[in-house]
Amino acid sequence: MTPANWTPYGVELGSRFLLGSAGYPSPQVLGEAIAASGTQVVTVGLKRSLAGAGDNGFVAAIRETLM
C-alpha cells in the first residue's frame, strides 16, 4: 500500500517527512541530509532566517537543495 500524497495549503507533496534545520554543523552537511532524506519540507527557525548574512549559508543550502 502506497501512502497518498499530502496536500497542505494546496501544495501537493509526495512525502510527509519534515526535516528540521537545527543542529547541523555546516551548510554542506545540511544539504546532504536534505538530499539523502528525500524530504520536500525543511523547517527553519525565524531567528536563523531573519539573521540574513549571519546565517552562515544555511538558508542558501536549503534553497539550493530543494530547488
N, C-alpha and C. Protein backbone atom coordinates (compact mmCIF):
# COMPACT_ATOMS: atom_id res chain seq x y z
N MET A 1 0.84 -1.19 0.00
CA MET A 1 0.00 0.00 0.00
C MET A 1 0.89 1.25 0.00
N THR A 2 0.69 2.11 -0.95
CA THR A 2 1.43 3.36 -1.05
C THR A 2 0.63 4.48 -0.39
N PRO A 3 1.26 5.24 0.50
CA PRO A 3 0.52 6.33 1.14
C PRO A 3 0.13 7.40 0.12
N ALA A 4 -0.99 8.01 0.35
CA ALA A 4 -1.46 9.09 -0.54
C ALA A 4 -0.57 10.31 -0.37
N ASN A 5 -0.51 11.12 -1.41
CA ASN A 5 0.24 12.37 -1.32
C ASN A 5 -0.39 13.26 -0.26
N TRP A 6 0.41 14.13 0.25
CA TRP A 6 0.00 15.07 1.28
C TRP A 6 -0.18 16.43 0.59
N THR A 7 -1.29 17.12 0.85
CA THR A 7 -1.56 18.39 0.19
C THR A 7 -1.85 19.49 1.23
N PRO A 8 -0.82 20.05 1.86
CA PRO A 8 -1.05 21.16 2.78
C PRO A 8 -1.17 22.47 2.01
N TYR A 9 -2.21 23.22 2.28
CA TYR A 9 -2.42 24.54 1.66
C TYR A 9 -2.36 24.50 0.14
N GLY A 10 -2.84 23.43 -0.46
CA GLY A 10 -2.92 23.34 -1.90
C GLY A 10 -1.62 22.95 -2.61
N VAL A 11 -0.58 22.63 -1.85
CA VAL A 11 0.70 22.22 -2.44
C VAL A 11 0.82 20.71 -2.28
N GLU A 12 0.84 19.98 -3.40
CA GLU A 12 0.90 18.52 -3.33
C GLU A 12 2.33 18.05 -3.11
N LEU A 13 2.52 17.27 -2.05
CA LEU A 13 3.83 16.75 -1.71
C LEU A 13 3.79 15.23 -1.71
N GLY A 14 4.85 14.61 -2.16
CA GLY A 14 4.91 13.16 -2.21
C GLY A 14 5.45 12.54 -0.94
N SER A 15 5.92 13.36 -0.01
CA SER A 15 6.48 12.86 1.24
C SER A 15 5.89 13.63 2.41
N ARG A 16 5.66 12.92 3.49
CA ARG A 16 5.19 13.58 4.72
C ARG A 16 6.32 13.83 5.69
N PHE A 17 7.55 13.57 5.26
CA PHE A 17 8.71 13.72 6.13
C PHE A 17 9.14 15.18 6.17
N LEU A 18 9.23 15.74 7.38
CA LEU A 18 9.70 17.11 7.57
C LEU A 18 11.06 17.03 8.24
N LEU A 19 12.00 17.85 7.79
CA LEU A 19 13.35 17.84 8.34
C LEU A 19 13.62 19.19 9.00
N GLY A 20 14.08 19.16 10.23
CA GLY A 20 14.46 20.39 10.93
C GLY A 20 15.87 20.80 10.54
N SER A 21 16.13 22.08 10.46
CA SER A 21 17.44 22.56 10.02
C SER A 21 18.41 22.81 11.17
N ALA A 22 17.96 22.68 12.40
CA ALA A 22 18.84 22.93 13.55
C ALA A 22 19.78 21.75 13.79
N GLY A 23 20.93 22.05 14.31
CA GLY A 23 21.85 21.01 14.74
C GLY A 23 22.84 20.50 13.72
N TYR A 24 22.82 21.02 12.53
CA TYR A 24 23.78 20.57 11.51
C TYR A 24 25.05 21.40 11.62
N PRO A 25 26.22 20.77 11.54
CA PRO A 25 27.48 21.50 11.75
C PRO A 25 27.88 22.43 10.61
N SER A 26 27.31 22.22 9.41
CA SER A 26 27.68 23.07 8.28
C SER A 26 26.55 23.05 7.25
N PRO A 27 26.50 24.06 6.40
CA PRO A 27 25.51 24.06 5.31
C PRO A 27 25.66 22.85 4.40
N GLN A 28 26.89 22.40 4.16
CA GLN A 28 27.12 21.25 3.30
C GLN A 28 26.48 19.99 3.88
N VAL A 29 26.65 19.76 5.18
CA VAL A 29 26.06 18.58 5.83
C VAL A 29 24.54 18.67 5.79
N LEU A 30 23.99 19.86 6.01
CA LEU A 30 22.54 20.04 5.93
C LEU A 30 22.05 19.72 4.52
N GLY A 31 22.72 20.24 3.50
CA GLY A 31 22.33 19.97 2.12
C GLY A 31 22.37 18.48 1.80
N GLU A 32 23.39 17.80 2.28
CA GLU A 32 23.50 16.35 2.07
C GLU A 32 22.36 15.60 2.76
N ALA A 33 21.99 16.04 3.95
CA ALA A 33 20.90 15.41 4.69
C ALA A 33 19.56 15.61 3.98
N ILE A 34 19.35 16.80 3.44
CA ILE A 34 18.12 17.08 2.70
C ILE A 34 18.04 16.18 1.48
N ALA A 35 19.13 16.10 0.73
CA ALA A 35 19.16 15.28 -0.49
C ALA A 35 18.97 13.80 -0.16
N ALA A 36 19.65 13.31 0.86
CA ALA A 36 19.57 11.89 1.22
C ALA A 36 18.20 11.50 1.76
N SER A 37 17.54 12.42 2.45
CA SER A 37 16.25 12.09 3.08
C SER A 37 15.09 12.08 2.09
N GLY A 38 15.21 12.84 1.01
CA GLY A 38 14.11 12.94 0.06
C GLY A 38 12.98 13.83 0.54
N THR A 39 13.21 14.57 1.61
CA THR A 39 12.17 15.44 2.13
C THR A 39 11.87 16.57 1.14
N GLN A 40 10.67 17.09 1.22
CA GLN A 40 10.28 18.24 0.42
C GLN A 40 9.99 19.44 1.32
N VAL A 41 10.09 19.23 2.64
CA VAL A 41 9.80 20.30 3.60
C VAL A 41 10.93 20.37 4.61
N VAL A 42 11.52 21.55 4.77
CA VAL A 42 12.57 21.78 5.76
C VAL A 42 12.10 22.92 6.65
N THR A 43 12.11 22.69 7.96
CA THR A 43 11.72 23.74 8.89
C THR A 43 12.93 24.61 9.20
N VAL A 44 12.69 25.91 9.33
CA VAL A 44 13.76 26.86 9.61
C VAL A 44 13.28 27.79 10.71
N GLY A 45 14.10 27.96 11.74
CA GLY A 45 13.76 28.89 12.82
C GLY A 45 13.79 30.32 12.31
N LEU A 46 12.84 31.13 12.75
CA LEU A 46 12.81 32.52 12.29
C LEU A 46 14.06 33.28 12.67
N LYS A 47 14.62 32.97 13.80
CA LYS A 47 15.83 33.67 14.22
C LYS A 47 16.96 33.45 13.21
N ARG A 48 17.09 32.22 12.71
CA ARG A 48 18.14 31.92 11.72
C ARG A 48 17.84 32.61 10.40
N SER A 49 16.59 32.52 9.93
CA SER A 49 16.27 33.06 8.61
C SER A 49 16.27 34.58 8.60
N LEU A 50 15.95 35.21 9.72
CA LEU A 50 15.94 36.67 9.78
C LEU A 50 17.33 37.25 10.00
N ALA A 51 18.28 36.41 10.34
CA ALA A 51 19.63 36.89 10.59
C ALA A 51 20.31 37.35 9.29
N GLY A 52 19.75 36.93 8.15
CA GLY A 52 20.29 37.36 6.86
C GLY A 52 21.71 36.88 6.63
N ALA A 53 22.64 37.80 6.57
CA ALA A 53 24.03 37.45 6.27
C ALA A 53 24.67 36.63 7.39
N GLY A 54 24.09 36.66 8.57
CA GLY A 54 24.66 35.93 9.70
C GLY A 54 24.25 34.48 9.77
N ASP A 55 23.60 33.94 8.73
CA ASP A 55 23.13 32.55 8.80
C ASP A 55 24.19 31.54 8.37
N ASN A 56 25.37 31.99 8.01
CA ASN A 56 26.49 31.13 7.63
C ASN A 56 26.19 30.24 6.42
N GLY A 57 25.27 30.63 5.57
CA GLY A 57 24.99 29.86 4.36
C GLY A 57 23.94 28.78 4.49
N PHE A 58 23.34 28.62 5.66
CA PHE A 58 22.35 27.56 5.85
C PHE A 58 21.10 27.77 5.00
N VAL A 59 20.61 28.98 4.93
CA VAL A 59 19.40 29.25 4.15
C VAL A 59 19.67 29.01 2.67
N ALA A 60 20.82 29.42 2.18
CA ALA A 60 21.18 29.18 0.77
C ALA A 60 21.30 27.69 0.49
N ALA A 61 21.84 26.92 1.42
CA ALA A 61 21.98 25.48 1.24
C ALA A 61 20.61 24.82 1.11
N ILE A 62 19.66 25.27 1.90
CA ILE A 62 18.30 24.73 1.82
C ILE A 62 17.69 25.06 0.47
N ARG A 63 17.78 26.30 0.07
CA ARG A 63 17.21 26.71 -1.23
C ARG A 63 17.82 25.94 -2.38
N GLU A 64 19.13 25.81 -2.39
CA GLU A 64 19.82 25.12 -3.50
C GLU A 64 19.42 23.65 -3.57
N THR A 65 19.27 23.01 -2.42
CA THR A 65 18.96 21.59 -2.39
C THR A 65 17.52 21.30 -2.77
N LEU A 66 16.60 22.16 -2.36
CA LEU A 66 15.18 21.92 -2.62
C LEU A 66 14.72 22.45 -3.97
N MET A 67 15.46 23.35 -4.58
CA MET A 67 15.02 23.92 -5.85
C MET A 67 15.39 23.05 -7.01
